[in-house]
């Protein structure tokens, strides 16, 4: 199985999250974990270039916001 590879890039009006199949599964698992009923509002996770994301990516924050 391939290693997860995720790249985030974009402009002022559009963001693209591109990933291989393993990367998409990794993102899905992270999002499912954020939906856990035991987590509190405001819980978040940072992904940054070279740490969870491919080099050259812009930073991505996944956040639980129960006010939405």
PDB file of N, CA and C in Angstrom:
ATOM      1  N   UNK A   1       0.829  -1.177   0.000  1.00  0.00           N
ATOM      2  CA  UNK A   1       0.000   0.000   0.000  1.00  0.00           C
ATOM      3  C   UNK A   1       0.880   1.249   0.000  1.00  0.00           C
ATOM      4  N   UNK A   2       0.448   2.268  -0.710  1.00  0.00           N
ATOM      5  CA  UNK A   2       1.206   3.517  -0.790  1.00  0.00           C
ATOM      6  C   UNK A   2       1.113   4.308   0.507  1.00  0.00           C
ATOM      7  N   UNK A   3       2.114   5.137   0.746  1.00  0.00           N
ATOM      8  CA  UNK A   3       2.063   6.074   1.859  1.00  0.00           C
ATOM      9  C   UNK A   3       1.062   7.174   1.531  1.00  0.00           C
ATOM     10  N   UNK A   4       0.386   7.709   2.547  1.00  0.00           N
ATOM     11  CA  UNK A   4      -0.544   8.815   2.292  1.00  0.00           C
ATOM     12  C   UNK A   4       0.203  10.037   1.787  1.00  0.00           C
ATOM     13  N   UNK A   5      -0.319  10.634   0.730  1.00  0.00           N
ATOM     14  CA  UNK A   5       0.258  11.855   0.165  1.00  0.00           C
ATOM     15  C   UNK A   5      -0.882  12.838  -0.047  1.00  0.00           C
ATOM     16  N   UNK A   6      -0.773  13.992   0.609  1.00  0.00           N
ATOM     17  CA  UNK A   6      -1.816  15.006   0.561  1.00  0.00           C
ATOM     18  C   UNK A   6      -1.159  16.342   0.252  1.00  0.00           C
ATOM     19  N   UNK A   7      -1.729  17.069  -0.689  1.00  0.00           N
ATOM     20  CA  UNK A   7      -1.231  18.406  -1.020  1.00  0.00           C
ATOM     21  C   UNK A   7      -2.406  19.372  -0.993  1.00  0.00           C
ATOM     22  N   UNK A   8      -2.189  20.530  -0.374  1.00  0.00           N
ATOM     23  CA  UNK A   8      -3.203  21.576  -0.305  1.00  0.00           C
ATOM     24  C   UNK A   8      -2.623  22.824  -0.966  1.00  0.00           C
ATOM     25  N   UNK A   9      -3.372  23.366  -1.917  1.00  0.00           N
ATOM     26  CA  UNK A   9      -2.930  24.577  -2.597  1.00  0.00           C
ATOM     27  C   UNK A   9      -4.142  25.377  -3.020  1.00  0.00           C
ATOM     28  N   UNK A  10      -3.919  26.631  -3.374  1.00  0.00           N
ATOM     29  CA  UNK A  10      -5.049  27.423  -3.803  1.00  0.00           C
ATOM     30  C   UNK A  10      -4.741  28.889  -3.973  1.00  0.00           C
ATOM     31  N   UNK A  11      -5.822  29.636  -4.103  1.00  0.00           N
ATOM     32  CA  UNK A  11      -5.757  31.080  -4.291  1.00  0.00           C
ATOM     33  C   UNK A  11      -6.680  31.727  -3.271  1.00  0.00           C
ATOM     34  N   UNK A  12      -6.930  33.009  -3.460  1.00  0.00           N
ATOM     35  CA  UNK A  12      -7.810  33.725  -2.534  1.00  0.00           C
ATOM     36  C   UNK A  12      -9.258  33.257  -2.629  1.00  0.00           C
ATOM     37  N   UNK A  13      -9.618  32.624  -3.740  1.00  0.00           N
ATOM     38  CA  UNK A  13     -11.022  32.250  -3.942  1.00  0.00           C
ATOM     39  C   UNK A  13     -11.260  30.755  -4.073  1.00  0.00           C
ATOM     40  N   UNK A  14     -10.185  29.952  -4.047  1.00  0.00           N
ATOM     41  CA  UNK A  14     -10.373  28.510  -4.252  1.00  0.00           C
ATOM     42  C   UNK A  14      -9.245  27.725  -3.591  1.00  0.00           C
ATOM     43  N   UNK A  15      -9.606  26.676  -2.893  1.00  0.00           N
ATOM     44  CA  UNK A  15      -8.635  25.790  -2.248  1.00  0.00           C
ATOM     45  C   UNK A  15      -8.819  24.393  -2.833  1.00  0.00           C
ATOM     46  N   UNK A  16      -7.714  23.732  -3.130  1.00  0.00           N
ATOM     47  CA  UNK A  16      -7.746  22.352  -3.619  1.00  0.00           C
ATOM     48  C   UNK A  16      -7.021  21.459  -2.639  1.00  0.00           C
ATOM     49  N   UNK A  17      -7.651  20.348  -2.288  1.00  0.00           N
ATOM     50  CA  UNK A  17      -7.025  19.299  -1.491  1.00  0.00           C
ATOM     51  C   UNK A  17      -6.890  18.112  -2.433  1.00  0.00           C
ATOM     52  N   UNK A  18      -5.660  17.779  -2.793  1.00  0.00           N
ATOM     53  CA  UNK A  18      -5.390  16.661  -3.698  1.00  0.00           C
ATOM     54  C   UNK A  18      -4.667  15.577  -2.922  1.00  0.00           C
ATOM     55  N   UNK A  19      -5.041  14.321  -3.171  1.00  0.00           N
ATOM     56  CA  UNK A  19      -4.422  13.223  -2.423  1.00  0.00           C
ATOM     57  C   UNK A  19      -4.491  11.936  -3.227  1.00  0.00           C
ATOM     58  N   UNK A  20      -3.542  11.047  -2.922  1.00  0.00           N
ATOM     59  CA  UNK A  20      -3.650   9.704  -3.484  1.00  0.00           C
ATOM     60  C   UNK A  20      -4.684   8.939  -2.645  1.00  0.00           C
ATOM     61  N   UNK A  21      -4.982   7.709  -3.023  1.00  0.00           N
ATOM     62  CA  UNK A  21      -6.023   6.940  -2.324  1.00  0.00           C
ATOM     63  C   UNK A  21      -5.712   6.811  -0.837  1.00  0.00           C
ATOM     64  N   UNK A  22      -4.465   6.543  -0.484  1.00  0.00           N
ATOM     65  CA  UNK A  22      -4.095   6.408   0.922  1.00  0.00           C
ATOM     66  C   UNK A  22      -4.262   7.747   1.654  1.00  0.00           C
ATOM     67  N   UNK A  23      -3.965   8.838   0.981  1.00  0.00           N
ATOM     68  CA  UNK A  23      -4.141  10.156   1.565  1.00  0.00           C
ATOM     69  C   UNK A  23      -5.602  10.483   1.796  1.00  0.00           C
ATOM     70  N   UNK A  24      -6.452  10.102   0.858  1.00  0.00           N
ATOM     71  CA  UNK A  24      -7.892  10.317   1.027  1.00  0.00           C
ATOM     72  C   UNK A  24      -8.422   9.519   2.210  1.00  0.00           C
ATOM     73  N   UNK A  25      -7.958   8.282   2.367  1.00  0.00           N
ATOM     74  CA  UNK A  25      -8.373   7.472   3.522  1.00  0.00           C
ATOM     75  C   UNK A  25      -7.897   8.117   4.823  1.00  0.00           C
ATOM     76  N   UNK A  26      -6.673   8.644   4.806  1.00  0.00           N
ATOM     77  CA  UNK A  26      -6.126   9.306   5.991  1.00  0.00           C
ATOM     78  C   UNK A  26      -6.978  10.521   6.370  1.00  0.00           C
ATOM     79  N   UNK A  27      -7.342  11.345   5.395  1.00  0.00           N
ATOM     80  CA  UNK A  27      -8.194  12.496   5.671  1.00  0.00           C
ATOM     81  C   UNK A  27      -9.555  12.063   6.198  1.00  0.00           C
ATOM     82  N   UNK A  28     -10.127  11.022   5.597  1.00  0.00           N
ATOM     83  CA  UNK A  28     -11.430  10.517   6.044  1.00  0.00           C
ATOM     84  C   UNK A  28     -11.357  10.051   7.498  1.00  0.00           C
ATOM     85  N   UNK A  29     -10.283   9.369   7.873  1.00  0.00           N
ATOM     86  CA  UNK A  29     -10.122   8.900   9.249  1.00  0.00           C
ATOM     87  C   UNK A  29      -9.996  10.071  10.216  1.00  0.00           C
ATOM     88  N   UNK A  30      -9.266  11.112   9.801  1.00  0.00           N
ATOM     89  CA  UNK A  30      -9.121  12.302  10.645  1.00  0.00           C
ATOM     90  C   UNK A  30     -10.464  12.994  10.847  1.00  0.00           C
ATOM     91  N   UNK A  31     -11.246  13.101   9.771  1.00  0.00           N
ATOM     92  CA  UNK A  31     -12.558  13.733   9.866  1.00  0.00           C
ATOM     93  C   UNK A  31     -13.518  12.902  10.716  1.00  0.00           C
ATOM     94  N   UNK A  32     -13.461  11.595  10.564  1.00  0.00           N
ATOM     95  CA  UNK A  32     -14.309  10.729  11.391  1.00  0.00           C
ATOM     96  C   UNK A  32     -13.938  10.869  12.865  1.00  0.00           C
ATOM     97  N   UNK A  33     -12.656  10.985  13.159  1.00  0.00           N
ATOM     98  CA  UNK A  33     -12.219  11.160  14.543  1.00  0.00           C
ATOM     99  C   UNK A  33     -12.743  12.483  15.105  1.00  0.00           C
ATOM    100  N   UNK A  34     -12.766  13.545  14.291  1.00  0.00           N
ATOM    101  CA  UNK A  34     -13.288  14.834  14.746  1.00  0.00           C
ATOM    102  C   UNK A  34     -14.786  14.760  15.026  1.00  0.00           C
ATOM    103  N   UNK A  35     -15.481  13.837  14.388  1.00  0.00           N
ATOM    104  CA  UNK A  35     -16.930  13.688  14.583  1.00  0.00           C
ATOM    105  C   UNK A  35     -17.272  12.848  15.808  1.00  0.00           C
ATOM    106  N   UNK A  36     -16.283  12.297  16.483  1.00  0.00           N
ATOM    107  CA  UNK A  36     -16.525  11.470  17.662  1.00  0.00           C
ATOM    108  C   UNK A  36     -17.327  12.265  18.696  1.00  0.00           C
ATOM    109  N   UNK A  37     -18.433  11.706  19.176  1.00  0.00           N
ATOM    110  CA  UNK A  37     -19.273  12.436  20.131  1.00  0.00           C
ATOM    111  C   UNK A  37     -18.571  12.788  21.448  1.00  0.00           C
ATOM    112  N   UNK A  38     -17.480  12.119  21.763  1.00  0.00           N
ATOM    113  CA  UNK A  38     -16.771  12.414  23.008  1.00  0.00           C
ATOM    114  C   UNK A  38     -15.844  13.623  22.893  1.00  0.00           C
ATOM    115  N   UNK A  39     -15.587  14.098  21.662  1.00  0.00           N
ATOM    116  CA  UNK A  39     -14.736  15.279  21.498  1.00  0.00           C
ATOM    117  C   UNK A  39     -15.559  16.532  21.715  1.00  0.00           C
ATOM    118  N   UNK A  40     -14.902  17.565  22.184  1.00  0.00           N
ATOM    119  CA  UNK A  40     -15.595  18.809  22.462  1.00  0.00           C
ATOM    120  C   UNK A  40     -15.469  19.799  21.307  1.00  0.00           C
ATOM    121  N   UNK A  41     -16.355  20.759  21.313  1.00  0.00           N
ATOM    122  CA  UNK A  41     -16.335  21.852  20.348  1.00  0.00           C
ATOM    123  C   UNK A  41     -14.974  22.547  20.400  1.00  0.00           C
ATOM    124  N   UNK A  42     -14.451  22.901  19.251  1.00  0.00           N
ATOM    125  CA  UNK A  42     -13.171  23.601  19.189  1.00  0.00           C
ATOM    126  C   UNK A  42     -11.971  22.692  19.000  1.00  0.00           C
ATOM    127  N   UNK A  43     -12.163  21.369  19.151  1.00  0.00           N
ATOM    128  CA  UNK A  43     -11.046  20.456  18.930  1.00  0.00           C
ATOM    129  C   UNK A  43     -10.601  20.608  17.481  1.00  0.00           C
ATOM    130  N   UNK A  44      -9.297  20.636  17.260  1.00  0.00           N
ATOM    131  CA  UNK A  44      -8.796  20.821  15.899  1.00  0.00           C
ATOM    132  C   UNK A  44      -7.455  20.121  15.707  1.00  0.00           C
ATOM    133  N   UNK A  45      -7.097  20.017  14.466  1.00  0.00           N
ATOM    134  CA  UNK A  45      -5.853  19.351  14.087  1.00  0.00           C
ATOM    135  C   UNK A  45      -5.177  20.168  12.989  1.00  0.00           C
ATOM    136  N   UNK A  46      -3.875  20.395  13.149  1.00  0.00           N
ATOM    137  CA  UNK A  46      -3.106  21.154  12.166  1.00  0.00           C
ATOM    138  C   UNK A  46      -2.331  20.197  11.267  1.00  0.00           C
ATOM    139  N   UNK A  47      -2.394  20.436   9.978  1.00  0.00           N
ATOM    140  CA  UNK A  47      -1.552  19.736   9.012  1.00  0.00           C
ATOM    141  C   UNK A  47      -0.741  20.813   8.304  1.00  0.00           C
ATOM    142  N   UNK A  48       0.557  20.599   8.193  1.00  0.00           N
ATOM    143  CA  UNK A  48       1.429  21.615   7.619  1.00  0.00           C
ATOM    144  C   UNK A  48       2.370  21.000   6.603  1.00  0.00           C
ATOM    145  N   UNK A  49       2.913  21.844   5.766  1.00  0.00           N
ATOM    146  CA  UNK A  49       3.863  21.409   4.753  1.00  0.00           C
ATOM    147  C   UNK A  49       4.987  20.611   5.404  1.00  0.00           C
ATOM    148  N   UNK A  50       5.184  19.381   4.950  1.00  0.00           N
ATOM    149  CA  UNK A  50       6.222  18.519   5.490  1.00  0.00           C
ATOM    150  C   UNK A  50       5.804  17.755   6.743  1.00  0.00           C
ATOM    151  N   UNK A  51       4.674  18.144   7.355  1.00  0.00           N
ATOM    152  CA  UNK A  51       4.165  17.459   8.549  1.00  0.00           C
ATOM    153  C   UNK A  51       2.698  17.124   8.282  1.00  0.00           C
ATOM    154  N   UNK A  52       2.465  15.995   7.665  1.00  0.00           N
ATOM    155  CA  UNK A  52       1.114  15.578   7.315  1.00  0.00           C
ATOM    156  C   UNK A  52       0.710  15.961   5.907  1.00  0.00           C
ATOM    157  N   UNK A  53       1.416  16.943   5.327  1.00  0.00           N
ATOM    158  CA  UNK A  53       1.138  17.378   3.961  1.00  0.00           C
ATOM    159  C   UNK A  53       2.422  17.380   3.145  1.00  0.00           C
ATOM    160  N   UNK A  54       2.262  17.267   1.849  1.00  0.00           N
ATOM    161  CA  UNK A  54       3.416  17.322   0.949  1.00  0.00           C
ATOM    162  C   UNK A  54       4.103  18.685   1.053  1.00  0.00           C
ATOM    163  N   UNK A  55       5.419  18.695   0.829  1.00  0.00           N
ATOM    164  CA  UNK A  55       6.158  19.950   0.798  1.00  0.00           C
ATOM    165  C   UNK A  55       5.522  20.892  -0.219  1.00  0.00           C
ATOM    166  N   UNK A  56       5.479  22.164   0.103  1.00  0.00           N
ATOM    167  CA  UNK A  56       4.897  23.163  -0.777  1.00  0.00           C
ATOM    168  C   UNK A  56       3.409  23.386  -0.552  1.00  0.00           C
ATOM    169  N   UNK A  57       2.795  22.588   0.332  1.00  0.00           N
ATOM    170  CA  UNK A  57       1.378  22.767   0.638  1.00  0.00           C
ATOM    171  C   UNK A  57       1.176  23.982   1.531  1.00  0.00           C
ATOM    172  N   UNK A  58      -0.019  24.564   1.446  1.00  0.00           N
ATOM    173  CA  UNK A  58      -0.399  25.565   2.436  1.00  0.00           C
ATOM    174  C   UNK A  58      -0.972  24.820   3.639  1.00  0.00           C
ATOM    175  N   UNK A  59      -0.917  25.430   4.793  1.00  0.00           N
ATOM    176  CA  UNK A  59      -1.386  24.780   6.016  1.00  0.00           C
ATOM    177  C   UNK A  59      -2.890  24.522   5.956  1.00  0.00           C
ATOM    178  N   UNK A  60      -3.308  23.466   6.631  1.00  0.00           N
ATOM    179  CA  UNK A  60      -4.712  23.091   6.692  1.00  0.00           C
ATOM    180  C   UNK A  60      -5.068  22.812   8.143  1.00  0.00           C
ATOM    181  N   UNK A  61      -6.167  23.398   8.604  1.00  0.00           N
ATOM    182  CA  UNK A  61      -6.665  23.140   9.943  1.00  0.00           C
ATOM    183  C   UNK A  61      -8.028  22.470   9.807  1.00  0.00           C
ATOM    184  N   UNK A  62      -8.163  21.318  10.425  1.00  0.00           N
ATOM    185  CA  UNK A  62      -9.449  20.621  10.505  1.00  0.00           C
ATOM    186  C   UNK A  62     -10.002  20.900  11.889  1.00  0.00           C
ATOM    187  N   UNK A  63     -11.178  21.518  11.966  1.00  0.00           N
ATOM    188  CA  UNK A  63     -11.707  21.936  13.262  1.00  0.00           C
ATOM    189  C   UNK A  63     -13.158  21.511  13.444  1.00  0.00           C
ATOM    190  N   UNK A  64     -13.443  21.076  14.646  1.00  0.00           N
ATOM    191  CA  UNK A  64     -14.825  20.777  15.003  1.00  0.00           C
ATOM    192  C   UNK A  64     -15.480  22.056  15.521  1.00  0.00           C
ATOM    193  N   UNK A  65     -16.600  22.419  14.921  1.00  0.00           N
ATOM    194  CA  UNK A  65     -17.328  23.625  15.320  1.00  0.00           C
ATOM    195  C   UNK A  65     -18.794  23.260  15.462  1.00  0.00           C
ATOM    196  N   UNK A  66     -19.228  23.003  16.678  1.00  0.00           N
ATOM    197  CA  UNK A  66     -20.601  22.576  16.915  1.00  0.00           C
ATOM    198  C   UNK A  66     -21.602  23.729  16.815  1.00  0.00           C
ATOM    199  N   UNK A  67     -21.126  24.945  16.582  1.00  0.00           N
ATOM    200  CA  UNK A  67     -22.015  26.091  16.391  1.00  0.00           C
ATOM    201  C   UNK A  67     -22.492  26.200  14.941  1.00  0.00           C
ATOM    202  N   UNK A  68     -21.891  25.458  14.043  1.00  0.00           N
ATOM    203  CA  UNK A  68     -22.299  25.500  12.633  1.00  0.00           C
ATOM    204  C   UNK A  68     -23.499  24.626  12.391  1.00  0.00           C
TER     205      UNK A  68
END
